[in-house]
PDB file of N, CA and C in Angstrom:
ATOM      1  N   MET A   1      92.697 157.640  58.334  1.00  0.00           N
ATOM      2  CA  MET A   1      92.342 156.422  59.033  1.00  0.00           C
ATOM      3  C   MET A   1      90.948 156.653  59.621  1.00  0.00           C
ATOM      4  N   LYS A   2      90.087 155.608  59.383  1.00  0.00           N
ATOM      5  CA  LYS A   2      88.691 155.722  59.915  1.00  0.00           C
ATOM      6  C   LYS A   2      88.691 155.486  61.386  1.00  0.00           C
ATOM      7  N   LYS A   3      87.885 156.363  62.089  1.00  0.00           N
ATOM      8  CA  LYS A   3      87.682 156.290  63.611  1.00  0.00           C
ATOM      9  C   LYS A   3      86.240 156.149  63.901  1.00  0.00           C
ATOM     10  N   VAL A   4      85.924 155.727  65.050  1.00  0.00           N
ATOM     11  CA  VAL A   4      84.614 155.640  65.593  1.00  0.00           C
ATOM     12  C   VAL A   4      84.377 156.862  66.482  1.00  0.00           C
ATOM     13  N   VAL A   5      83.394 157.727  66.187  1.00  0.00           N
ATOM     14  CA  VAL A   5      83.135 158.862  67.026  1.00  0.00           C
ATOM     15  C   VAL A   5      81.975 158.485  67.918  1.00  0.00           C
ATOM     16  N   VAL A   6      82.277 158.647  69.283  1.00  0.00           N
ATOM     17  CA  VAL A   6      81.291 158.293  70.325  1.00  0.00           C
ATOM     18  C   VAL A   6      80.867 159.623  71.035  1.00  0.00           C
ATOM     19  N   LEU A   7      79.679 159.848  71.122  1.00  0.00           N
ATOM     20  CA  LEU A   7      79.193 161.044  71.875  1.00  0.00           C
ATOM     21  C   LEU A   7      78.846 160.598  73.329  1.00  0.00           C
ATOM     22  N   GLY A   8      79.493 161.373  74.269  1.00  0.00           N
ATOM     23  CA  GLY A   8      79.229 161.152  75.691  1.00  0.00           C
ATOM     24  C   GLY A   8      77.825 161.575  75.945  1.00  0.00           C
ATOM     25  N   SER A   9      77.209 160.932  76.989  1.00  0.00           N
ATOM     26  CA  SER A   9      75.788 161.215  77.281  1.00  0.00           C
ATOM     27  C   SER A   9      75.601 162.677  77.705  1.00  0.00           C
ATOM     28  N   LEU A  10      76.445 163.158  78.468  1.00  0.00           N
ATOM     29  CA  LEU A  10      76.382 164.660  78.846  1.00  0.00           C
ATOM     30  C   LEU A  10      76.553 165.502  77.649  1.00  0.00           C
ATOM     31  N   ALA A  11      77.431 165.182  76.717  1.00  0.00           N
ATOM     32  CA  ALA A  11      77.633 166.004  75.529  1.00  0.00           C
ATOM     33  C   ALA A  11      76.336 166.013  74.639  1.00  0.00           C
ATOM     34  N   ILE A  12      75.684 164.865  74.601  1.00  0.00           N
ATOM     35  CA  ILE A  12      74.412 164.720  73.839  1.00  0.00           C
ATOM     36  C   ILE A  12      73.417 165.756  74.403  1.00  0.00           C
ATOM     37  N   LYS A  13      73.280 165.807  75.744  1.00  0.00           N
ATOM     38  CA  LYS A  13      72.361 166.743  76.364  1.00  0.00           C
ATOM     39  C   LYS A  13      72.716 168.170  76.068  1.00  0.00           C
ATOM     40  N   GLU A  14      74.017 168.429  76.094  1.00  0.00           N
ATOM     41  CA  GLU A  14      74.456 169.795  75.787  1.00  0.00           C
ATOM     42  C   GLU A  14      74.197 170.271  74.329  1.00  0.00           C
ATOM     43  N   LEU A  15      74.464 169.294  73.422  1.00  0.00           N
ATOM     44  CA  LEU A  15      74.203 169.573  72.010  1.00  0.00           C
ATOM     45  C   LEU A  15      72.752 169.772  71.736  1.00  0.00           C
ATOM     46  N   ALA A  16      71.855 169.006  72.495  1.00  0.00           N
ATOM     47  CA  ALA A  16      70.449 169.125  72.294  1.00  0.00           C
ATOM     48  C   ALA A  16      69.913 170.556  72.532  1.00  0.00           C
ATOM     49  N   SER A  17      70.664 171.302  73.337  1.00  0.00           N
ATOM     50  CA  SER A  17      70.126 172.669  73.637  1.00  0.00           C
ATOM     51  C   SER A  17      70.540 173.693  72.560  1.00  0.00           C
ATOM     52  N   PHE A  18      71.306 173.330  71.632  1.00  0.00           N
ATOM     53  CA  PHE A  18      71.657 174.171  70.547  1.00  0.00           C
ATOM     54  C   PHE A  18      70.604 174.245  69.407  1.00  0.00           C
ATOM     55  N   SER A  19      70.664 175.259  68.575  1.00  0.00           N
ATOM     56  CA  SER A  19      69.799 175.333  67.381  1.00  0.00           C
ATOM     57  C   SER A  19      69.995 174.151  66.369  1.00  0.00           C
ATOM     58  N   ILE A  20      68.996 173.929  65.612  1.00  0.00           N
ATOM     59  CA  ILE A  20      69.099 172.760  64.728  1.00  0.00           C
ATOM     60  C   ILE A  20      70.236 173.008  63.671  1.00  0.00           C
ATOM     61  N   GLU A  21      70.433 174.242  63.285  1.00  0.00           N
ATOM     62  CA  GLU A  21      71.521 174.591  62.350  1.00  0.00           C
ATOM     63  C   GLU A  21      72.914 174.295  62.956  1.00  0.00           C
ATOM     64  N   VAL A  22      73.148 174.615  64.205  1.00  0.00           N
ATOM     65  CA  VAL A  22      74.414 174.459  64.883  1.00  0.00           C
ATOM     66  C   VAL A  22      74.649 172.951  65.042  1.00  0.00           C
ATOM     67  N   ARG A  23      73.550 172.246  65.473  1.00  0.00           N
ATOM     68  CA  ARG A  23      73.635 170.701  65.615  1.00  0.00           C
ATOM     69  C   ARG A  23      73.966 170.060  64.306  1.00  0.00           C
ATOM     70  N   ALA A  24      73.425 170.514  63.205  1.00  0.00           N
ATOM     71  CA  ALA A  24      73.692 169.976  61.889  1.00  0.00           C
ATOM     72  C   ALA A  24      75.124 170.183  61.483  1.00  0.00           C
ATOM     73  N   ARG A  25      75.648 171.298  61.767  1.00  0.00           N
ATOM     74  CA  ARG A  25      77.066 171.623  61.438  1.00  0.00           C
ATOM     75  C   ARG A  25      77.969 170.751  62.314  1.00  0.00           C
ATOM     76  N   PHE A  26      77.647 170.550  63.628  1.00  0.00           N
ATOM     77  CA  PHE A  26      78.399 169.647  64.429  1.00  0.00           C
ATOM     78  C   PHE A  26      78.378 168.237  63.921  1.00  0.00           C
ATOM     79  N   ASN A  27      77.155 167.825  63.486  1.00  0.00           N
ATOM     80  CA  ASN A  27      77.106 166.422  62.975  1.00  0.00           C
ATOM     81  C   ASN A  27      77.932 166.196  61.754  1.00  0.00           C
ATOM     82  N   ASP A  28      77.941 167.229  60.799  1.00  0.00           N
ATOM     83  CA  ASP A  28      78.771 167.157  59.613  1.00  0.00           C
ATOM     84  C   ASP A  28      80.243 167.016  60.056  1.00  0.00           C
ATOM     85  N   LEU A  29      80.647 167.791  60.957  1.00  0.00           N
ATOM     86  CA  LEU A  29      82.111 167.719  61.365  1.00  0.00           C
ATOM     87  C   LEU A  29      82.427 166.396  62.116  1.00  0.00           C
ATOM     88  N   PHE A  30      81.430 165.931  62.871  1.00  0.00           N
ATOM     89  CA  PHE A  30      81.628 164.557  63.522  1.00  0.00           C
ATOM     90  C   PHE A  30      81.851 163.499  62.445  1.00  0.00           C
ATOM     91  N   GLU A  31      81.050 163.563  61.368  1.00  0.00           N
ATOM     92  CA  GLU A  31      81.166 162.571  60.277  1.00  0.00           C
ATOM     93  C   GLU A  31      82.598 162.700  59.598  1.00  0.00           C
ATOM     94  N   ILE A  32      83.036 163.902  59.340  1.00  0.00           N
ATOM     95  CA  ILE A  32      84.313 164.090  58.781  1.00  0.00           C
ATOM     96  C   ILE A  32      85.370 163.605  59.678  1.00  0.00           C
ATOM     97  N   LEU A  33      85.351 163.944  60.956  1.00  0.00           N
ATOM     98  CA  LEU A  33      86.220 163.487  62.014  1.00  0.00           C
ATOM     99  C   LEU A  33      86.325 161.952  62.044  1.00  0.00           C
ATOM    100  N   GLY A  34      85.237 161.306  61.964  1.00  0.00           N
ATOM    101  CA  GLY A  34      85.153 159.777  61.947  1.00  0.00           C
ATOM    102  C   GLY A  34      85.743 159.218  60.683  1.00  0.00           C
ATOM    103  N   SER A  35      85.483 159.790  59.521  1.00  0.00           N
ATOM    104  CA  SER A  35      85.951 159.209  58.237  1.00  0.00           C
ATOM    105  C   SER A  35      87.420 159.540  57.992  1.00  0.00           C
ATOM    106  N   GLU A  36      87.902 160.786  58.420  1.00  0.00           N
ATOM    107  CA  GLU A  36      89.256 161.086  58.083  1.00  0.00           C
ATOM    108  C   GLU A  36      90.113 160.902  59.329  1.00  0.00           C
ATOM    109  N   GLY A  37      89.627 160.761  60.537  1.00  0.00           N
ATOM    110  CA  GLY A  37      90.403 160.633  61.700  1.00  0.00           C
ATOM    111  C   GLY A  37      90.924 161.896  62.377  1.00  0.00           C
ATOM    112  N   ARG A  38      90.681 162.988  61.699  1.00  0.00           N
ATOM    113  CA  ARG A  38      91.082 164.318  62.278  1.00  0.00           C
ATOM    114  C   ARG A  38      90.426 165.430  61.549  1.00  0.00           C
ATOM    115  N   LEU A  39      90.503 166.576  62.179  1.00  0.00           N
ATOM    116  CA  LEU A  39      90.013 167.835  61.610  1.00  0.00           C
ATOM    117  C   LEU A  39      91.111 168.854  61.588  1.00  0.00           C
ATOM    118  N   ARG A  40      91.146 169.741  60.703  1.00  0.00           N
ATOM    119  CA  ARG A  40      92.177 170.702  60.572  1.00  0.00           C
ATOM    120  C   ARG A  40      91.616 172.081  60.911  1.00  0.00           C
ATOM    121  N   MET A  41      92.489 173.031  61.132  1.00  0.00           N
ATOM    122  CA  MET A  41      92.039 174.454  61.324  1.00  0.00           C
ATOM    123  C   MET A  41      91.267 174.892  60.123  1.00  0.00           C
ATOM    124  N   PRO A  42      90.334 175.629  60.094  1.00  0.00           N
ATOM    125  CA  PRO A  42      89.783 176.348  61.219  1.00  0.00           C
ATOM    126  C   PRO A  42      88.695 175.608  62.052  1.00  0.00           C
ATOM    127  N   PHE A  43      88.451 174.343  61.643  1.00  0.00           N
ATOM    128  CA  PHE A  43      87.366 173.554  62.173  1.00  0.00           C
ATOM    129  C   PHE A  43      87.759 172.929  63.559  1.00  0.00           C
ATOM    130  N   ALA A  44      88.984 172.771  63.849  1.00  0.00           N
ATOM    131  CA  ALA A  44      89.481 172.089  65.039  1.00  0.00           C
ATOM    132  C   ALA A  44      90.757 172.744  65.530  1.00  0.00           C
ATOM    133  N   LYS A  45      91.003 172.648  66.858  1.00  0.00           N
ATOM    134  CA  LYS A  45      92.213 173.111  67.369  1.00  0.00           C
ATOM    135  C   LYS A  45      92.582 172.247  68.647  1.00  0.00           C
ATOM    136  N   LYS A  46      93.938 172.002  68.767  1.00  0.00           N
ATOM    137  CA  LYS A  46      94.432 171.379  69.974  1.00  0.00           C
ATOM    138  C   LYS A  46      94.433 172.302  71.109  1.00  0.00           C
ATOM    139  N   ILE A  47      93.802 171.965  72.313  1.00  0.00           N
ATOM    140  CA  ILE A  47      93.765 172.800  73.452  1.00  0.00           C
ATOM    141  C   ILE A  47      94.406 172.147  74.742  1.00  0.00           C
ATOM    142  N   GLY A  48      94.891 171.036  74.584  1.00  0.00           N
ATOM    143  CA  GLY A  48      95.589 170.344  75.733  1.00  0.00           C
ATOM    144  C   GLY A  48      96.395 169.164  75.163  1.00  0.00           C
ATOM    145  N   ASP A  49      96.973 168.415  76.148  1.00  0.00           N
ATOM    146  CA  ASP A  49      97.786 167.279  75.708  1.00  0.00           C
ATOM    147  C   ASP A  49      97.019 166.297  74.928  1.00  0.00           C
ATOM    148  N   ASN A  50      95.826 165.881  75.338  1.00  0.00           N
ATOM    149  CA  ASN A  50      94.989 164.876  74.591  1.00  0.00           C
ATOM    150  C   ASN A  50      93.630 165.519  74.352  1.00  0.00           C
ATOM    151  N   LEU A  51      93.540 166.874  74.285  1.00  0.00           N
ATOM    152  CA  LEU A  51      92.185 167.526  74.207  1.00  0.00           C
ATOM    153  C   LEU A  51      92.169 168.380  73.073  1.00  0.00           C
ATOM    154  N   PHE A  52      91.085 168.330  72.294  1.00  0.00           N
ATOM    155  CA  PHE A  52      90.877 169.146  71.102  1.00  0.00           C
ATOM    156  C   PHE A  52      89.462 169.716  71.054  1.00  0.00           C
ATOM    157  N   GLU A  53      89.251 170.818  70.325  1.00  0.00           N
ATOM    158  CA  GLU A  53      88.004 171.370  70.202  1.00  0.00           C
ATOM    159  C   GLU A  53      87.578 171.531  68.811  1.00  0.00           C
ATOM    160  N   ILE A  54      86.277 171.319  68.537  1.00  0.00           N
ATOM    161  CA  ILE A  54      85.682 171.527  67.293  1.00  0.00           C
ATOM    162  C   ILE A  54      85.148 172.976  67.347  1.00  0.00           C
ATOM    163  N   ARG A  55      85.399 173.754  66.397  1.00  0.00           N
ATOM    164  CA  ARG A  55      84.996 175.160  66.315  1.00  0.00           C
ATOM    165  C   ARG A  55      84.013 175.507  65.216  1.00  0.00           C
ATOM    166  N   ILE A  56      82.868 176.132  65.647  1.00  0.00           N
ATOM    167  CA  ILE A  56      81.823 176.534  64.697  1.00  0.00           C
ATOM    168  C   ILE A  56      81.399 178.050  65.000  1.00  0.00           C
ATOM    169  N   LYS A  57      81.349 178.768  63.895  1.00  0.00           N
ATOM    170  CA  LYS A  57      80.733 180.093  63.934  1.00  0.00           C
ATOM    171  C   LYS A  57      79.446 180.074  63.287  1.00  0.00           C
ATOM    172  N   ASP A  58      78.359 180.375  64.004  1.00  0.00           N
ATOM    173  CA  ASP A  58      77.047 180.401  63.465  1.00  0.00           C
ATOM    174  C   ASP A  58      76.168 181.315  64.420  1.00  0.00           C
ATOM    175  N   GLY A  59      76.064 182.552  64.281  1.00  0.00           N
ATOM    176  CA  GLY A  59      75.435 183.376  65.137  1.00  0.00           C
ATOM    177  C   GLY A  59      76.077 183.422  66.560  1.00  0.00           C
ATOM    178  N   GLY A  60      77.243 183.116  66.642  1.00  0.00           N
ATOM    179  CA  GLY A  60      78.018 183.059  67.875  1.00  0.00           C
ATOM    180  C   GLY A  60      79.116 182.034  67.755  1.00  0.00           C
ATOM    181  N   GLN A  61      79.818 181.752  68.724  1.00  0.00           N
ATOM    182  CA  GLN A  61      80.928 180.814  68.805  1.00  0.00           C
ATOM    183  C   GLN A  61      80.451 179.529  69.500  1.00  0.00           C
ATOM    184  N   TRP A  62      80.646 178.406  68.891  1.00  0.00           N
ATOM    185  CA  TRP A  62      80.244 177.124  69.461  1.00  0.00           C
ATOM    186  C   TRP A  62      81.390 176.258  69.513  1.00  0.00           C
ATOM    187  N   ARG A  63      81.492 175.372  70.600  1.00  0.00           N
ATOM    188  CA  ARG A  63      82.650 174.529  70.637  1.00  0.00           C
ATOM    189  C   ARG A  63      82.113 173.094  71.255  1.00  0.00           C
ATOM    190  N   ALA A  64      82.932 172.130  70.789  1.00  0.00           N
ATOM    191  CA  ALA A  64      82.688 170.809  71.340  1.00  0.00           C
ATOM    192  C   ALA A  64      84.195 170.241  71.511  1.00  0.00           C
ATOM    193  N   THR A  65      84.398 169.658  72.793  1.00  0.00           N
ATOM    194  CA  THR A  65      85.651 169.070  73.096  1.00  0.00           C
ATOM    195  C   THR A  65      85.656 167.639  72.868  1.00  0.00           C
ATOM    196  N   TYR A  66      86.774 167.117  72.382  1.00  0.00           N
ATOM    197  CA  TYR A  66      86.904 165.731  72.128  1.00  0.00           C
ATOM    198  C   TYR A  66      88.296 165.254  72.419  1.00  0.00           C
ATOM    199  N   ALA A  67      88.474 163.961  72.442  1.00  0.00           N
ATOM    200  CA  ALA A  67      89.746 163.294  72.751  1.00  0.00           C
ATOM    201  C   ALA A  67      89.858 162.020  72.089  1.00  0.00           C
ATOM    202  N   TYR A  68      91.031 161.571  71.796  1.00  0.00           N
ATOM    203  CA  TYR A  68      91.264 160.172  71.136  1.00  0.00           C
ATOM    204  C   TYR A  68      91.434 159.205  72.252  1.00  0.00           C
ATOM    205  N   ILE A  69      90.707 158.169  72.190  1.00  0.00           N
ATOM    206  CA  ILE A  69      90.862 157.043  73.145  1.00  0.00           C
ATOM    207  C   ILE A  69      91.033 155.803  72.382  1.00  0.00           C
ATOM    208  N   LEU A  70      91.703 154.830  73.022  1.00  0.00           N
ATOM    209  CA  LEU A  70      92.093 153.595  72.275  1.00  0.00           C
ATOM    210  C   LEU A  70      92.766 154.001  70.994  1.00  0.00           C
ATOM    211  N   LYS A  71      92.795 153.051  70.091  1.00  0.00           N
ATOM    212  CA  LYS A  71      93.396 153.348  68.832  1.00  0.00           C
ATOM    213  C   LYS A  71      92.498 153.869  67.768  1.00  0.00           C
ATOM    214  N   ASN A  72      91.203 153.528  67.891  1.00  0.00           N
ATOM    215  CA  ASN A  72      90.258 153.925  66.889  1.00  0.00           C
ATOM    216  C   ASN A  72      89.051 154.613  67.248  1.00  0.00           C
ATOM    217  N   GLN A  73      89.082 155.148  68.535  1.00  0.00           N
ATOM    218  CA  GLN A  73      87.897 155.851  69.013  1.00  0.00           C
ATOM    219  C   GLN A  73      88.138 157.272  69.339  1.00  0.00           C
ATOM    220  N   ILE A  74      87.150 158.140  69.048  1.00  0.00           N
ATOM    221  CA  ILE A  74      87.178 159.578  69.466  1.00  0.00           C
ATOM    222  C   ILE A  74      85.858 159.788  70.304  1.00  0.00           C
ATOM    223  N   VAL A  75      86.034 160.409  71.404  1.00  0.00           N
ATOM    224  CA  VAL A  75      84.917 160.636  72.313  1.00  0.00           C
ATOM    225  C   VAL A  75      84.648 162.203  72.351  1.00  0.00           C
ATOM    226  N   ILE A  76      83.356 162.561  72.111  1.00  0.00           N
ATOM    227  CA  ILE A  76      82.955 163.910  72.292  1.00  0.00           C
ATOM    228  C   ILE A  76      82.641 164.085  73.739  1.00  0.00           C
ATOM    229  N   LEU A  77      83.332 164.942  74.391  1.00  0.00           N
ATOM    230  CA  LEU A  77      83.238 165.068  75.859  1.00  0.00           C
ATOM    231  C   LEU A  77      82.180 166.136  76.306  1.00  0.00           C
ATOM    232  N   SER A  78      82.163 167.271  75.618  1.00  0.00           N
ATOM    233  CA  SER A  78      81.301 168.351  76.029  1.00  0.00           C
ATOM    234  C   SER A  78      81.046 169.301  74.854  1.00  0.00           C
ATOM    235  N   ALA A  79      80.080 170.148  75.050  1.00  0.00           N
ATOM    236  CA  ALA A  79      79.717 171.116  74.023  1.00  0.00           C
ATOM    237  C   ALA A  79      79.171 172.400  74.740  1.00  0.00           C
ATOM    238  N   PHE A  80      79.494 173.570  74.224  1.00  0.00           N
ATOM    239  CA  PHE A  80      79.167 174.816  74.884  1.00  0.00           C
ATOM    240  C   PHE A  80      79.201 175.867  73.876  1.00  0.00           C
ATOM    241  N   ARG A  81      78.584 177.044  74.311  1.00  0.00           N
ATOM    242  CA  ARG A  81      78.608 178.276  73.582  1.00  0.00           C
ATOM    243  C   ARG A  81      79.738 179.041  74.103  1.00  0.00           C
ATOM    244  N   LYS A  82      80.669 179.481  73.329  1.00  0.00           N
ATOM    245  CA  LYS A  82      81.829 180.341  73.845  1.00  0.00           C
ATOM    246  C   LYS A  82      81.476 181.753  73.830  1.00  0.00           C
ATOM    247  N   LYS A  83      81.612 182.441  74.916  1.00  0.00           N
ATOM    248  CA  LYS A  83      81.293 183.791  75.051  1.00  0.00           C
ATOM    249  C   LYS A  83      82.408 184.784  75.285  1.00  0.00           C
ATOM    250  N   THR A  84      83.607 184.242  75.455  1.00  0.00           N
ATOM    251  CA  THR A  84      84.833 185.024  75.730  1.00  0.00           C
ATOM    252  C   THR A  84      85.899 184.719  74.694  1.00  0.00           C
ATOM    253  N   GLN A  85      86.927 185.546  74.740  1.00  0.00           N
ATOM    254  CA  GLN A  85      88.034 185.276  73.755  1.00  0.00           C
ATOM    255  C   GLN A  85      88.691 183.998  73.988  1.00  0.00           C
ATOM    256  N   LYS A  86      89.062 183.631  75.221  1.00  0.00           N
ATOM    257  CA  LYS A  86      89.671 182.344  75.515  1.00  0.00           C
ATOM    258  C   LYS A  86      88.585 181.354  75.967  1.00  0.00           C
ATOM    259  N   THR A  87      89.060 180.053  75.719  1.00  0.00           N
ATOM    260  CA  THR A  87      88.084 178.950  76.243  1.00  0.00           C
ATOM    261  C   THR A  87      88.015 179.055  77.744  1.00  0.00           C
ATOM    262  N   PRO A  88      86.887 179.055  78.288  1.00  0.00           N
ATOM    263  CA  PRO A  88      86.778 179.167  79.750  1.00  0.00           C
ATOM    264  C   PRO A  88      87.494 178.007  80.487  1.00  0.00           C
ATOM    265  N   LYS A  89      88.168 178.330  81.537  1.00  0.00           N
ATOM    266  CA  LYS A  89      88.882 177.232  82.276  1.00  0.00           C
ATOM    267  C   LYS A  89      87.955 176.127  82.859  1.00  0.00           C
ATOM    268  N   ASN A  90      86.709 176.645  83.250  1.00  0.00           N
ATOM    269  CA  ASN A  90      85.785 175.621  83.810  1.00  0.00           C
ATOM    270  C   ASN A  90      85.359 174.621  82.670  1.00  0.00           C
ATOM    271  N   GLU A  91      85.329 174.966  81.448  1.00  0.00           N
ATOM    272  CA  GLU A  91      84.984 174.066  80.317  1.00  0.00           C
ATOM    273  C   GLU A  91      86.152 173.078  80.101  1.00  0.00           C
ATOM    274  N   LEU A  92      87.375 173.507  80.233  1.00  0.00           N
ATOM    275  CA  LEU A  92      88.502 172.685  80.112  1.00  0.00           C
ATOM    276  C   LEU A  92      88.548 171.631  81.258  1.00  0.00           C
ATOM    277  N   VAL A  93      88.334 172.122  82.439  1.00  0.00           N
ATOM    278  CA  VAL A  93      88.287 171.239  83.609  1.00  0.00           C
ATOM    279  C   VAL A  93      87.116 170.178  83.531  1.00  0.00           C
ATOM    280  N   ARG A  94      85.995 170.637  82.976  1.00  0.00           N
ATOM    281  CA  ARG A  94      84.818 169.741  82.788  1.00  0.00           C
ATOM    282  C   ARG A  94      85.243 168.687  81.775  1.00  0.00           C
ATOM    283  N   ALA A  95      85.755 169.021  80.665  1.00  0.00           N
ATOM    284  CA  ALA A  95      86.201 168.041  79.611  1.00  0.00           C
ATOM    285  C   ALA A  95      87.261 167.097  80.188  1.00  0.00           C
ATOM    286  N   LEU A  96      88.265 167.500  80.872  1.00  0.00           N
ATOM    287  CA  LEU A  96      89.280 166.586  81.400  1.00  0.00           C
ATOM    288  C   LEU A  96      88.700 165.679  82.404  1.00  0.00           C
ATOM    289  N   LYS A  97      87.762 166.170  83.294  1.00  0.00           N
ATOM    290  CA  LYS A  97      87.098 165.277  84.215  1.00  0.00           C
ATOM    291  C   LYS A  97      86.325 164.222  83.488  1.00  0.00           C
ATOM    292  N   ARG A  98      85.597 164.549  82.500  1.00  0.00           N
ATOM    293  CA  ARG A  98      84.887 163.536  81.795  1.00  0.00           C
ATOM    294  C   ARG A  98      85.739 162.537  81.055  1.00  0.00           C
ATOM    295  N   LEU A  99      86.901 163.031  80.538  1.00  0.00           N
ATOM    296  CA  LEU A  99      87.891 162.173  79.918  1.00  0.00           C
ATOM    297  C   LEU A  99      88.390 161.173  80.848  1.00  0.00           C
ATOM    298  N   ARG A 100      88.630 161.619  82.105  1.00  0.00           N
ATOM    299  CA  ARG A 100      89.114 160.575  83.071  1.00  0.00           C
ATOM    300  C   ARG A 100      88.144 159.425  83.250  1.00  0.00           C
ATOM    301  N   GLY A 101      86.787 159.711  83.029  1.00  0.00           N
ATOM    302  CA  GLY A 101      85.876 158.589  83.122  1.00  0.00           C
ATOM    303  C   GLY A 101      85.987 157.549  82.073  1.00  0.00           C
ATOM    304  N   TYR A 102      86.744 157.841  81.066  1.00  0.00           N
ATOM    305  CA  TYR A 102      86.968 156.887  79.996  1.00  0.00           C
ATOM    306  C   TYR A 102      88.280 156.175  80.146  1.00  0.00           C
TER     307      TYR A 102
END
């Protein structure tokens, strides 16, 4: 089912700090997410009740958090470089705080 992918303004700023290659890979996955309505492992993983992450390996670990809102919209909440085994708690808190704004 086709969905509309919306990038939050803060997520846009975070993505802009990444290399062009990483941004291109994220954009490709955003397009697939919009056209198919979901991503599967290894490209995405559920990390909370209504919170998911897009996963990219390209000279490091890169993540973007997203959530489904309304019936046909997906909002990209945040983007960051992952430096530890687990997703940092502060990144989860940040994404959930931004989600509440929607």
